[in-house]
C-alpha atoms as a PDB file:
ATOM      1  CA  MET A   1      -0.082   0.068   0.198  1.00  0.00           C
ATOM      2  CA  SER A   2       2.599   2.422   1.148  1.00  0.00           C
ATOM      3  CA  ARG A   3       4.419   1.675  -2.433  1.00  0.00           C
ATOM      4  CA  ARG A   4       1.569   2.363  -4.460  1.00  0.00           C
ATOM      5  CA  ILE A   5       0.600   5.724  -2.426  1.00  0.00           C
ATOM      6  CA  SER A   6       4.594   6.972  -2.737  1.00  0.00           C
ATOM      7  CA  VAL A   7       4.136   6.180  -6.771  1.00  0.00           C
ATOM      8  CA  LEU A   8       0.782   8.161  -6.954  1.00  0.00           C
ATOM      9  CA  LEU A   9       2.683  11.047  -4.796  1.00  0.00           C
ATOM     10  CA  CYS A  10       5.360  11.103  -7.495  1.00  0.00           C
ATOM     11  CA  CYS A  11       2.930  11.443 -10.076  1.00  0.00           C
ATOM     12  CA  MET A  12       1.225  14.393  -8.692  1.00  0.00           C
ATOM     13  CA  VAL A  13       4.178  16.299  -8.093  1.00  0.00           C
ATOM     14  CA  ILE A  14       5.126  15.894 -11.439  1.00  0.00           C
ATOM     15  CA  LEU A  15       1.899  16.982 -12.811  1.00  0.00           C
ATOM     16  CA  TYR A  16       2.092  20.032 -10.553  1.00  0.00           C
ATOM     17  CA  MET A  17       5.496  21.299 -12.010  1.00  0.00           C
ATOM     18  CA  PHE A  18       4.077  20.885 -15.350  1.00  0.00           C
ATOM     19  CA  ALA A  19       0.812  22.777 -14.871  1.00  0.00           C
ATOM     20  CA  GLY A  20       0.262  26.601 -15.098  1.00  0.00           C
ATOM     21  CA  CYS A  21       2.024  29.569 -15.941  1.00  0.00           C
ATOM     22  CA  GLY A  22       3.989  29.729 -12.843  1.00  0.00           C
ATOM     23  CA  ASN A  23       5.775  26.525 -12.717  1.00  0.00           C
ATOM     24  CA  LYS A  24       9.333  26.119 -12.855  1.00  0.00           C
ATOM     25  CA  ALA A  25       9.044  24.057 -16.305  1.00  0.00           C
ATOM     26  CA  GLU A  26       7.601  27.209 -18.155  1.00  0.00           C
ATOM     27  CA  GLU A  27       9.069  30.178 -15.623  1.00  0.00           C
ATOM     28  CA  ALA A  28      11.222  31.167 -18.508  1.00  0.00           C
ATOM     29  CA  SER A  29       8.381  31.974 -20.880  1.00  0.00           C
ATOM     30  CA  CYS A  30       6.043  33.253 -18.310  1.00  0.00           C
ATOM     31  CA  VAL A  31       5.867  37.180 -18.058  1.00  0.00           C
ATOM     32  CA  ARG A  32       3.888  38.580 -15.094  1.00  0.00           C
ATOM     33  CA  ILE A  33       2.522  42.015 -16.140  1.00  0.00           C
ATOM     34  CA  GLY A  34       0.437  44.644 -14.214  1.00  0.00           C
ATOM     35  CA  CYS A  35      -1.843  47.632 -14.729  1.00  0.00           C
ATOM     36  CA  MET A  36      -3.961  49.725 -12.890  1.00  0.00           C
ATOM     37  CA  LYS A  37      -7.607  50.895 -13.227  1.00  0.00           C
ATOM     38  CA  GLY A  38      -7.329  54.070 -15.092  1.00  0.00           C
ATOM     39  CA  PRO A  39      -5.613  55.704 -18.424  1.00  0.00           C
ATOM     40  CA  THR A  40      -2.584  53.779 -18.163  1.00  0.00           C
ATOM     41  CA  ALA A  41      -4.340  50.594 -18.673  1.00  0.00           C
ATOM     42  CA  ILE A  42      -5.627  51.548 -22.219  1.00  0.00           C
ATOM     43  CA  GLY A  43      -2.402  50.806 -23.820  1.00  0.00           C
ATOM     44  CA  MET A  44      -2.383  47.430 -22.366  1.00  0.00           C
ATOM     45  CA  ILE A  45      -5.526  46.055 -22.606  1.00  0.00           C
ATOM     46  CA  LYS A  46      -5.580  44.393 -25.999  1.00  0.00           C
ATOM     47  CA  LEU A  47      -2.809  42.603 -24.691  1.00  0.00           C
ATOM     48  CA  ILE A  48      -4.284  41.618 -21.886  1.00  0.00           C
ATOM     49  CA  ASP A  49      -7.190  40.253 -23.796  1.00  0.00           C
ATOM     50  CA  GLY A  50      -5.034  38.193 -26.148  1.00  0.00           C
ATOM     51  CA  ALA A  51      -3.295  37.032 -22.777  1.00  0.00           C
ATOM     52  CA  ASP A  52      -6.557  35.978 -21.661  1.00  0.00           C
ATOM     53  CA  ALA A  53      -8.247  34.483 -24.436  1.00  0.00           C
ATOM     54  CA  SER A  54      -5.395  32.269 -25.333  1.00  0.00           C
ATOM     55  CA  GLY A  55      -2.743  32.046 -22.484  1.00  0.00           C
ATOM     56  CA  GLU A  56      -0.001  32.925 -24.873  1.00  0.00           C
ATOM     57  CA  ASP A  57       1.106  35.514 -27.665  1.00  0.00           C
ATOM     58  CA  ALA A  58       0.837  34.872 -31.210  1.00  0.00           C
ATOM     59  CA  THR A  59       4.546  33.537 -31.301  1.00  0.00           C
ATOM     60  CA  ASP A  60       3.142  30.824 -29.234  1.00  0.00           C
ATOM     61  CA  LYS A  61       6.509  31.728 -27.083  1.00  0.00           C
ATOM     62  CA  VAL A  62       5.505  34.079 -24.278  1.00  0.00           C
ATOM     63  CA  ARG A  63       2.558  33.229 -21.581  1.00  0.00           C
ATOM     64  CA  PHE A  64       1.259  36.461 -19.694  1.00  0.00           C
ATOM     65  CA  GLN A  65      -0.186  36.170 -16.381  1.00  0.00           C
ATOM     66  CA  TYR A  66      -1.830  39.837 -15.592  1.00  0.00           C
ATOM     67  CA  THR A  67      -3.034  41.864 -13.035  1.00  0.00           C
ATOM     68  CA  ILE A  68      -5.370  44.737 -12.788  1.00  0.00           C
ATOM     69  CA  ALA A  69      -4.938  46.512  -9.503  1.00  0.00           C
ATOM     70  CA  GLY A  70      -7.200  49.196  -7.900  1.00  0.00           C
ATOM     71  CA  THR A  71      -4.130  51.068  -6.244  1.00  0.00           C
ATOM     72  CA  ALA A  72      -0.926  51.657  -7.221  1.00  0.00           C
ATOM     73  CA  ASP A  73       0.351  50.408  -3.969  1.00  0.00           C
ATOM     74  CA  GLU A  74      -0.672  46.700  -5.073  1.00  0.00           C
ATOM     75  CA  LEU A  75       1.555  46.869  -8.150  1.00  0.00           C
ATOM     76  CA  SER A  76       4.322  48.788  -6.174  1.00  0.00           C
ATOM     77  CA  SER A  77       4.363  45.854  -3.618  1.00  0.00           C
ATOM     78  CA  ALA A  78       4.502  42.878  -5.878  1.00  0.00           C
ATOM     79  CA  LEU A  79       7.271  44.454  -8.007  1.00  0.00           C
ATOM     80  CA  MET A  80       9.561  44.978  -4.928  1.00  0.00           C
ATOM     81  CA  LYS A  81       8.625  41.451  -4.035  1.00  0.00           C
ATOM     82  CA  GLY A  82       9.633  40.063  -7.148  1.00  0.00           C
ATOM     83  CA  ASP A  83       6.228  39.039  -7.647  1.00  0.00           C
ATOM     84  CA  MET A  84       5.134  40.866 -11.097  1.00  0.00           C
ATOM     85  CA  ASP A  85       7.720  41.560 -14.034  1.00  0.00           C
ATOM     86  CA  ILE A  86       6.403  44.554 -15.643  1.00  0.00           C
ATOM     87  CA  ALA A  87       4.047  46.968 -14.707  1.00  0.00           C
ATOM     88  CA  ALA A  88       2.213  50.188 -15.908  1.00  0.00           C
ATOM     89  CA  VAL A  89       2.652  52.891 -13.329  1.00  0.00           C
ATOM     90  CA  PRO A  90       2.480  56.982 -12.933  1.00  0.00           C
ATOM     91  CA  CYS A  91       5.641  58.553 -13.788  1.00  0.00           C
ATOM     92  CA  ASN A  92       6.648  59.771 -10.439  1.00  0.00           C
ATOM     93  CA  LEU A  93       5.861  56.223  -9.047  1.00  0.00           C
ATOM     94  CA  ALA A  94       8.539  54.820 -11.442  1.00  0.00           C
ATOM     95  CA  SER A  95      11.145  57.343  -9.770  1.00  0.00           C
ATOM     96  CA  ILE A  96       9.945  56.099  -6.343  1.00  0.00           C
ATOM     97  CA  LEU A  97      10.216  52.712  -7.204  1.00  0.00           C
ATOM     98  CA  TYR A  98      13.971  53.144  -8.777  1.00  0.00           C
ATOM     99  CA  ASN A  99      14.966  54.714  -5.627  1.00  0.00           C
ATOM    100  CA  LYS A 100      13.602  52.466  -3.211  1.00  0.00           C
ATOM    101  CA  SER A 101      14.722  49.122  -5.036  1.00  0.00           C
ATOM    102  CA  GLN A 102      18.503  50.969  -5.424  1.00  0.00           C
ATOM    103  CA  GLY A 103      18.170  50.607  -9.177  1.00  0.00           C
ATOM    104  CA  GLU A 104      16.548  47.309  -9.571  1.00  0.00           C
ATOM    105  CA  ILE A 105      13.248  48.543 -11.196  1.00  0.00           C
ATOM    106  CA  VAL A 106      13.923  50.690 -14.376  1.00  0.00           C
ATOM    107  CA  THR A 107      11.769  52.672 -16.682  1.00  0.00           C
ATOM    108  CA  VAL A 108      11.545  51.130 -20.466  1.00  0.00           C
ATOM    109  CA  ALA A 109       8.688  53.515 -21.780  1.00  0.00           C
ATOM    110  CA  ILE A 110       6.310  55.995 -22.042  1.00  0.00           C
ATOM    111  CA  ASN A 111       2.723  54.998 -22.239  1.00  0.00           C
ATOM    112  CA  THR A 112       0.569  57.806 -21.138  1.00  0.00           C
ATOM    113  CA  LEU A 113       1.169  61.458 -21.553  1.00  0.00           C
ATOM    114  CA  GLY A 114      -1.026  64.251 -20.062  1.00  0.00           C
ATOM    115  CA  VAL A 115      -4.761  63.413 -19.349  1.00  0.00           C
ATOM    116  CA  LEU A 116      -5.677  66.254 -17.329  1.00  0.00           C
ATOM    117  CA  TYR A 117      -8.392  68.843 -18.625  1.00  0.00           C
ATOM    118  CA  MET A 118      -9.704  72.422 -17.131  1.00  0.00           C
ATOM    119  CA  LEU A 119     -13.565  72.601 -17.470  1.00  0.00           C
ATOM    120  CA  GLU A 120     -16.061  75.435 -17.595  1.00  0.00           C
ATOM    121  CA  ASN A 121     -19.719  76.041 -18.225  1.00  0.00           C
ATOM    122  CA  GLY A 122     -19.139  79.000 -20.515  1.00  0.00           C
ATOM    123  CA  GLU A 123     -16.230  80.829 -22.722  1.00  0.00           C
ATOM    124  CA  SER A 124     -14.395  82.920 -20.252  1.00  0.00           C
ATOM    125  CA  VAL A 125     -11.348  80.787 -20.321  1.00  0.00           C
ATOM    126  CA  GLN A 126      -9.204  80.445 -23.434  1.00  0.00           C
ATOM    127  CA  SER A 127      -5.649  80.690 -22.000  1.00  0.00           C
ATOM    128  CA  ALA A 128      -3.729  79.712 -19.279  1.00  0.00           C
ATOM    129  CA  GLU A 129      -3.635  83.423 -18.440  1.00  0.00           C
ATOM    130  CA  ASP A 130      -7.302  83.494 -18.041  1.00  0.00           C
ATOM    131  CA  LEU A 131      -7.329  81.444 -14.958  1.00  0.00           C
ATOM    132  CA  LYS A 132      -6.701  84.740 -12.804  1.00  0.00           C
ATOM    133  CA  GLY A 133      -8.790  85.380 -10.370  1.00  0.00           C
ATOM    134  CA  LYS A 134     -10.713  82.126 -10.820  1.00  0.00           C
ATOM    135  CA  THR A 135     -11.724  79.392  -8.338  1.00  0.00           C
ATOM    136  CA  ILE A 136     -10.225  75.920  -9.434  1.00  0.00           C
ATOM    137  CA  TYR A 137     -11.753  73.053  -8.101  1.00  0.00           C
ATOM    138  CA  THR A 138      -9.462  69.712  -8.334  1.00  0.00           C
ATOM    139  CA  THR A 139      -8.137  66.707  -6.475  1.00  0.00           C
ATOM    140  CA  GLY A 140      -4.664  65.290  -5.926  1.00  0.00           C
ATOM    141  CA  GLN A 141      -3.579  67.976  -3.414  1.00  0.00           C
ATOM    142  CA  GLY A 142       0.305  66.870  -2.200  1.00  0.00           C
ATOM    143  CA  THR A 143       0.328  64.503  -5.471  1.00  0.00           C
ATOM    144  CA  THR A 144       0.979  65.227  -9.408  1.00  0.00           C
ATOM    145  CA  PRO A 145      -2.155  67.182  -9.860  1.00  0.00           C
ATOM    146  CA  GLU A 146      -1.138  69.822  -7.850  1.00  0.00           C
ATOM    147  CA  TYR A 147       2.426  70.155  -8.418  1.00  0.00           C
ATOM    148  CA  THR A 148       1.594  70.055 -12.482  1.00  0.00           C
ATOM    149  CA  LEU A 149      -1.380  72.931 -11.663  1.00  0.00           C
ATOM    150  CA  ARG A 150       1.316  75.050  -9.580  1.00  0.00           C
ATOM    151  CA  TYR A 151       4.017  74.682 -12.147  1.00  0.00           C
ATOM    152  CA  LEU A 152       1.517  75.594 -15.227  1.00  0.00           C
ATOM    153  CA  LEU A 153       0.243  78.751 -13.527  1.00  0.00           C
ATOM    154  CA  ALA A 154       3.674  79.757 -12.662  1.00  0.00           C
ATOM    155  CA  SER A 155       4.813  79.557 -16.472  1.00  0.00           C
ATOM    156  CA  VAL A 156       2.361  82.069 -17.286  1.00  0.00           C
ATOM    157  CA  GLY A 157       3.189  84.347 -14.824  1.00  0.00           C
ATOM    158  CA  LEU A 158       0.423  83.595 -12.115  1.00  0.00           C
ATOM    159  CA  ASP A 159       0.992  83.404  -8.509  1.00  0.00           C
ATOM    160  CA  PRO A 160      -0.812  79.681  -7.665  1.00  0.00           C
ATOM    161  CA  ASP A 161      -1.504  81.032  -4.201  1.00  0.00           C
ATOM    162  CA  LYS A 162      -2.408  84.656  -4.803  1.00  0.00           C
ATOM    163  CA  ASP A 163      -3.797  84.675  -8.130  1.00  0.00           C
ATOM    164  CA  VAL A 164      -6.088  81.892  -8.195  1.00  0.00           C
ATOM    165  CA  ASP A 165      -8.256  80.300  -5.684  1.00  0.00           C
ATOM    166  CA  ILE A 166      -7.501  76.226  -5.767  1.00  0.00           C
ATOM    167  CA  GLN A 167      -9.834  74.187  -3.782  1.00  0.00           C
ATOM    168  CA  TYR A 168      -8.801  70.543  -3.169  1.00  0.00           C
ATOM    169  CA  LYS A 169     -11.364  67.840  -3.299  1.00  0.00           C
ATOM    170  CA  SER A 170     -10.389  63.957  -2.232  1.00  0.00           C
ATOM    171  CA  GLU A 171     -12.027  62.635  -5.180  1.00  0.00           C
ATOM    172  CA  ALA A 172     -13.037  63.681  -8.739  1.00  0.00           C
ATOM    173  CA  PRO A 173     -16.637  62.668  -7.844  1.00  0.00           C
ATOM    174  CA  GLU A 174     -16.855  65.323  -5.616  1.00  0.00           C
ATOM    175  CA  VAL A 175     -15.243  67.727  -7.977  1.00  0.00           C
ATOM    176  CA  LEU A 176     -18.551  67.037 -10.302  1.00  0.00           C
ATOM    177  CA  ALA A 177     -20.850  67.228  -7.586  1.00  0.00           C
ATOM    178  CA  THR A 178     -19.575  70.708  -7.125  1.00  0.00           C
ATOM    179  CA  LEU A 179     -19.692  71.681 -10.631  1.00  0.00           C
ATOM    180  CA  LYS A 180     -23.195  70.827 -10.654  1.00  0.00           C
ATOM    181  CA  GLN A 181     -23.975  72.952  -7.592  1.00  0.00           C
ATOM    182  CA  HIS A 182     -21.818  75.986  -8.647  1.00  0.00           C
ATOM    183  CA  PRO A 183     -21.371  75.926 -12.656  1.00  0.00           C
ATOM    184  CA  GLU A 184     -19.295  79.371 -12.579  1.00  0.00           C
ATOM    185  CA  VAL A 185     -16.555  77.604 -11.167  1.00  0.00           C
ATOM    186  CA  ILE A 186     -13.302  75.851 -13.123  1.00  0.00           C
ATOM    187  CA  ALA A 187     -12.507  72.250 -12.547  1.00  0.00           C
ATOM    188  CA  MET A 188      -9.378  70.495 -13.372  1.00  0.00           C
ATOM    189  CA  LEU A 189     -10.036  66.718 -14.012  1.00  0.00           C
ATOM    190  CA  PRO A 190      -8.147  64.070 -15.473  1.00  0.00           C
ATOM    191  CA  GLN A 191      -9.724  61.611 -18.084  1.00  0.00           C
ATOM    192  CA  PRO A 192     -12.220  59.513 -17.924  1.00  0.00           C
ATOM    193  CA  TYR A 193     -13.857  62.142 -15.078  1.00  0.00           C
ATOM    194  CA  ALA A 194     -13.327  65.141 -17.710  1.00  0.00           C
ATOM    195  CA  THR A 195     -15.565  63.348 -20.218  1.00  0.00           C
ATOM    196  CA  VAL A 196     -18.152  62.631 -17.367  1.00  0.00           C
ATOM    197  CA  ALA A 197     -18.255  66.125 -16.594  1.00  0.00           C
ATOM    198  CA  LEU A 198     -18.936  67.054 -20.229  1.00  0.00           C
ATOM    199  CA  ASN A 199     -21.868  64.893 -20.271  1.00  0.00           C
ATOM    200  CA  SER A 200     -23.464  66.077 -17.352  1.00  0.00           C
ATOM    201  CA  SER A 201     -24.310  69.783 -18.889  1.00  0.00           C
ATOM    202  CA  PRO A 202     -24.928  70.824 -22.452  1.00  0.00           C
ATOM    203  CA  ASP A 203     -22.680  74.192 -21.484  1.00  0.00           C
ATOM    204  CA  MET A 204     -19.976  72.294 -20.092  1.00  0.00           C
ATOM    205  CA  ARG A 205     -16.783  72.149 -22.420  1.00  0.00           C
ATOM    206  CA  ILE A 206     -12.963  71.629 -22.123  1.00  0.00           C
ATOM    207  CA  ALA A 207     -11.339  75.168 -21.769  1.00  0.00           C
ATOM    208  CA  LEU A 208      -8.096  73.980 -21.701  1.00  0.00           C
ATOM    209  CA  ASP A 209      -6.192  70.784 -22.184  1.00  0.00           C
ATOM    210  CA  VAL A 210      -3.460  71.255 -19.563  1.00  0.00           C
ATOM    211  CA  THR A 211      -0.835  69.096 -21.757  1.00  0.00           C
ATOM    212  CA  LYS A 212      -0.937  71.431 -24.544  1.00  0.00           C
ATOM    213  CA  GLU A 213      -0.728  74.371 -22.267  1.00  0.00           C
ATOM    214  CA  TRP A 214       2.159  73.176 -20.566  1.00  0.00           C
ATOM    215  CA  GLU A 215       3.999  72.386 -23.681  1.00  0.00           C
ATOM    216  CA  ALA A 216       3.375  75.743 -24.819  1.00  0.00           C
ATOM    217  CA  ASN A 217       4.583  77.656 -22.019  1.00  0.00           C
ATOM    218  CA  ALA A 218       6.738  75.130 -19.775  1.00  0.00           C
ATOM    219  CA  GLY A 219       8.967  73.655 -23.025  1.00  0.00           C
ATOM    220  CA  ASN A 220       8.356  70.084 -22.283  1.00  0.00           C
ATOM    221  CA  THR A 221       5.545  67.909 -21.610  1.00  0.00           C
ATOM    222  CA  VAL A 222       3.283  66.142 -18.820  1.00  0.00           C
ATOM    223  CA  VAL A 223       4.193  62.504 -18.442  1.00  0.00           C
ATOM    224  CA  THR A 224       1.435  60.560 -16.663  1.00  0.00           C
ATOM    225  CA  GLY A 225       2.310  57.214 -17.143  1.00  0.00           C
ATOM    226  CA  VAL A 226       5.375  54.814 -17.846  1.00  0.00           C
ATOM    227  CA  LEU A 227       6.096  51.123 -18.277  1.00  0.00           C
ATOM    228  CA  VAL A 228       8.772  49.922 -15.581  1.00  0.00           C
ATOM    229  CA  VAL A 229      10.518  46.323 -15.575  1.00  0.00           C
ATOM    230  CA  ARG A 230      12.686  44.725 -12.518  1.00  0.00           C
ATOM    231  CA  LYS A 231      15.885  44.784 -13.975  1.00  0.00           C
ATOM    232  CA  ALA A 232      16.611  41.045 -13.030  1.00  0.00           C
ATOM    233  CA  PHE A 233      14.046  39.862 -15.507  1.00  0.00           C
ATOM    234  CA  LEU A 234      14.754  42.132 -18.296  1.00  0.00           C
ATOM    235  CA  GLU A 235      18.562  40.766 -17.921  1.00  0.00           C
ATOM    236  CA  GLU A 236      17.755  37.174 -17.370  1.00  0.00           C
ATOM    237  CA  GLN A 237      14.667  36.927 -19.630  1.00  0.00           C
ATOM    238  CA  LYS A 238      15.929  39.532 -22.476  1.00  0.00           C
ATOM    239  CA  GLU A 239      14.046  37.478 -25.554  1.00  0.00           C
ATOM    240  CA  ASN A 240      10.974  37.506 -23.457  1.00  0.00           C
ATOM    241  CA  PHE A 241      11.044  41.110 -22.485  1.00  0.00           C
ATOM    242  CA  ASP A 242      11.669  42.211 -26.174  1.00  0.00           C
ATOM    243  CA  ALA A 243       8.899  40.018 -27.326  1.00  0.00           C
ATOM    244  CA  PHE A 244       6.770  41.412 -24.494  1.00  0.00           C
ATOM    245  CA  MET A 245       7.623  45.271 -25.914  1.00  0.00           C
ATOM    246  CA  LYS A 246       6.793  44.349 -29.584  1.00  0.00           C
ATOM    247  CA  ILE A 247       3.269  42.925 -28.476  1.00  0.00           C
ATOM    248  CA  TYR A 248       2.620  45.996 -26.039  1.00  0.00           C
ATOM    249  CA  GLU A 249       3.364  48.360 -28.753  1.00  0.00           C
ATOM    250  CA  GLU A 250       1.330  47.070 -31.348  1.00  0.00           C
ATOM    251  CA  SER A 251      -1.466  47.076 -27.965  1.00  0.00           C
ATOM    252  CA  THR A 252      -1.053  50.581 -27.970  1.00  0.00           C
ATOM    253  CA  VAL A 253      -1.510  51.048 -31.621  1.00  0.00           C
ATOM    254  CA  PHE A 254      -4.699  49.147 -31.702  1.00  0.00           C
ATOM    255  CA  ALA A 255      -6.116  51.176 -28.627  1.00  0.00           C
ATOM    256  CA  ARG A 256      -5.608  54.563 -30.486  1.00  0.00           C
ATOM    257  CA  GLU A 257      -6.986  53.244 -33.994  1.00  0.00           C
ATOM    258  CA  LYS A 258      -9.777  51.176 -32.820  1.00  0.00           C
ATOM    259  CA  THR A 259     -11.271  53.216 -30.391  1.00  0.00           C
ATOM    260  CA  ASP A 260     -14.608  51.205 -30.051  1.00  0.00           C
ATOM    261  CA  GLU A 261     -13.201  47.755 -29.679  1.00  0.00           C
ATOM    262  CA  THR A 262     -10.766  49.365 -26.872  1.00  0.00           C
ATOM    263  CA  ALA A 263     -13.687  50.558 -25.569  1.00  0.00           C
ATOM    264  CA  GLN A 264     -15.676  47.456 -25.290  1.00  0.00           C
ATOM    265  CA  LEU A 265     -12.467  45.540 -23.659  1.00  0.00           C
ATOM    266  CA  LEU A 266     -12.124  48.486 -21.107  1.00  0.00           C
ATOM    267  CA  GLU A 267     -15.330  47.682 -19.877  1.00  0.00           C
ATOM    268  CA  LYS A 268     -15.261  44.062 -19.926  1.00  0.00           C
ATOM    269  CA  TYR A 269     -11.984  44.043 -17.463  1.00  0.00           C
ATOM    270  CA  ASP A 270     -14.024  46.268 -15.626  1.00  0.00           C
ATOM    271  CA  VAL A 271     -11.724  49.655 -16.050  1.00  0.00           C
ATOM    272  CA  PHE A 272     -14.216  52.094 -17.625  1.00  0.00           C
ATOM    273  CA  LYS A 273     -17.803  51.911 -18.707  1.00  0.00           C
ATOM    274  CA  ALA A 274     -17.429  51.281 -22.855  1.00  0.00           C
ATOM    275  CA  ASP A 275     -19.461  54.871 -23.404  1.00  0.00           C
ATOM    276  CA  ILE A 276     -17.382  56.898 -21.357  1.00  0.00           C
ATOM    277  CA  ALA A 277     -14.328  55.043 -22.775  1.00  0.00           C
ATOM    278  CA  LYS A 278     -15.037  55.647 -26.211  1.00  0.00           C
ATOM    279  CA  GLN A 279     -15.189  59.187 -25.746  1.00  0.00           C
ATOM    280  CA  ALA A 280     -12.403  59.364 -23.157  1.00  0.00           C
ATOM    281  CA  ILE A 281      -9.371  57.584 -25.241  1.00  0.00           C
ATOM    282  CA  PRO A 282      -8.931  60.112 -27.617  1.00  0.00           C
ATOM    283  CA  TYR A 283      -7.953  62.403 -24.925  1.00  0.00           C
ATOM    284  CA  CYS A 284      -5.535  59.884 -22.993  1.00  0.00           C
ATOM    285  CA  ASN A 285      -3.033  60.591 -25.364  1.00  0.00           C
ATOM    286  CA  VAL A 286      -1.820  56.984 -25.268  1.00  0.00           C
ATOM    287  CA  THR A 287       1.372  56.347 -26.628  1.00  0.00           C
ATOM    288  CA  PHE A 288       4.639  54.179 -27.119  1.00  0.00           C
ATOM    289  CA  ILE A 289       8.089  56.039 -26.555  1.00  0.00           C
ATOM    290  CA  THR A 290      11.281  54.599 -25.577  1.00  0.00           C
ATOM    291  CA  GLY A 291      14.914  55.437 -25.618  1.00  0.00           C
ATOM    292  CA  LYS A 292      16.318  58.909 -25.898  1.00  0.00           C
ATOM    293  CA  GLU A 293      13.160  60.619 -26.517  1.00  0.00           C
ATOM    294  CA  MET A 294      11.436  58.635 -23.305  1.00  0.00           C
ATOM    295  CA  GLN A 295      14.275  60.054 -21.161  1.00  0.00           C
ATOM    296  CA  GLU A 296      13.769  63.762 -22.212  1.00  0.00           C
ATOM    297  CA  LYS A 297      10.292  64.097 -21.736  1.00  0.00           C
ATOM    298  CA  ALA A 298      10.161  61.991 -18.432  1.00  0.00           C
ATOM    299  CA  GLY A 299      13.273  63.406 -17.198  1.00  0.00           C
ATOM    300  CA  ALA A 300      12.027  66.833 -17.653  1.00  0.00           C
ATOM    301  CA  TYR A 301       9.016  66.227 -15.957  1.00  0.00           C
ATOM    302  CA  LEU A 302      10.370  64.404 -12.872  1.00  0.00           C
ATOM    303  CA  GLN A 303      12.869  67.530 -12.533  1.00  0.00           C
ATOM    304  CA  ILE A 304      10.025  69.585 -12.048  1.00  0.00           C
ATOM    305  CA  LEU A 305       8.261  67.532  -9.781  1.00  0.00           C
ATOM    306  CA  CYS A 306      11.294  67.529  -7.563  1.00  0.00           C
ATOM    307  CA  ALA A 307      11.866  70.950  -7.795  1.00  0.00           C
ATOM    308  CA  GLU A 308       8.085  71.093  -6.315  1.00  0.00           C
ATOM    309  CA  ASN A 309       8.757  68.395  -3.699  1.00  0.00           C
ATOM    310  CA  PRO A 310      11.567  65.629  -3.874  1.00  0.00           C
ATOM    311  CA  ALA A 311       9.464  63.617  -1.829  1.00  0.00           C
ATOM    312  CA  SER A 312       7.175  63.180  -4.788  1.00  0.00           C
ATOM    313  CA  ILE A 313       9.768  61.491  -6.847  1.00  0.00           C
ATOM    314  CA  GLY A 314      11.479  59.356  -4.293  1.00  0.00           C
ATOM    315  CA  GLY A 315      13.694  62.017  -2.892  1.00  0.00           C
ATOM    316  CA  LYS A 316      15.735  62.825  -6.261  1.00  0.00           C
ATOM    317  CA  TYR A 317      15.883  62.204  -9.861  1.00  0.00           C
ATOM    318  CA  GLU A 318      18.452  59.688 -11.121  1.00  0.00           C
ATOM    319  CA  GLU A 319      18.971  59.281 -15.023  1.00  0.00           C
ATOM    320  CA  GLY A 320      20.005  55.940 -14.225  1.00  0.00           C
ATOM    321  CA  MET A 321      16.254  55.237 -14.016  1.00  0.00           C
ATOM    322  CA  PHE A 322      15.798  55.083 -17.705  1.00  0.00           C
ATOM    323  CA  TYR A 323      16.649  51.751 -19.598  1.00  0.00           C
ATOM    324  CA  GLY A 324      17.880  52.365 -23.210  1.00  0.00           C
ATOM    325  CA  GLY A 325      17.458  56.044 -22.711  1.00  0.00           C
ATOM    326  CA  LYS A 326      21.044  56.956 -23.441  1.00  0.00           C
END
C-alpha cells in the first residue's frame, strides 16, 4: 500500500511541476504583467485580452499572467517582492520605485502623456492666463496634479497662492458634484472624469488641455504613465522582454486606432464603462515612447516635480532610472 501511495504522490508532484504559467518548467516563458484601473491601462488592454483568450501571444512562445490593480500600492508591492515583472505605473511612482529598489526597477517606455483638462460652463477661459481670479476645483493635493497645476500657473506668470483660488477635493466625484452646484467655477479633472463632466451639462466644455498648455508655456510635456520592469527579469529573460515590448507596442497602436473595440475591452475588464471610454480615449494621449526621447520627456517632467517636492519622486531624480534611454 505504501509503495502505491508513494508512486501516486510522485505522479502528483510531476503533474504540478508542469501545470500553469507560474511553474518552474515554464518559468522562462511566463511574463507577469500589471496595470491600474485608469488611463495607463488603455494601452495594455488588448494585450491582456489576448492573454486571457489564449494564455499566450501570437508567437506561441510567451505566456502572460496579468493583474489589473485598484491601487498603485498593489503594483509597487508586487514589483518590490519580485512577484511581478513589468507594470504600467504613474511616472513619479517609477522614480520612487527606482530609488526604493536601489536601481533594480527601471523605466523602459512612456505609455501615457497628459490626461488633465480644465473644464468650465461658458467661454471665459481661452488660455492659461485667463485663470487669473478664478476658483479652480481639483483633486490630488500633495501629489502630481497639484504640482502640475502650480507649475503651469507659474509658467504664465500667475502666483498659485494669490492669483487663483485652488480648492482641493479628495476624489473626482466630489469635484463633479461641486460643478453641478456651482457652475461658475473651473474644474481640473483627469480622464475619464473630464468626459463624465462634459456629459453632465450641455454648456460644459474643455476650456484648456493642460498638456498642450504645459508644452506651450513650460517647454516640455506632462508624462502621466510609464512602463517599468525589474532589471533582473530584463537581464535574465531578455528574449521574453523584447517579445513583450513588441506586443505591447502593437497593443498601444490598437488602442489609438480601434477606439470602439478598445472601449468594449475596457468595460469587459472593469476599467471604464464602454460609452465613457469611447469618448475619453482620444483625450488620454496613449503612446509608446522609448530610448532617448523617453528619457528627455520623462526626465524633464520628473525634475520639475522634484523641484516642487522631492518626496513626490522618491527624494531625488536619477538618469539611471531609464533603460535604453541614452
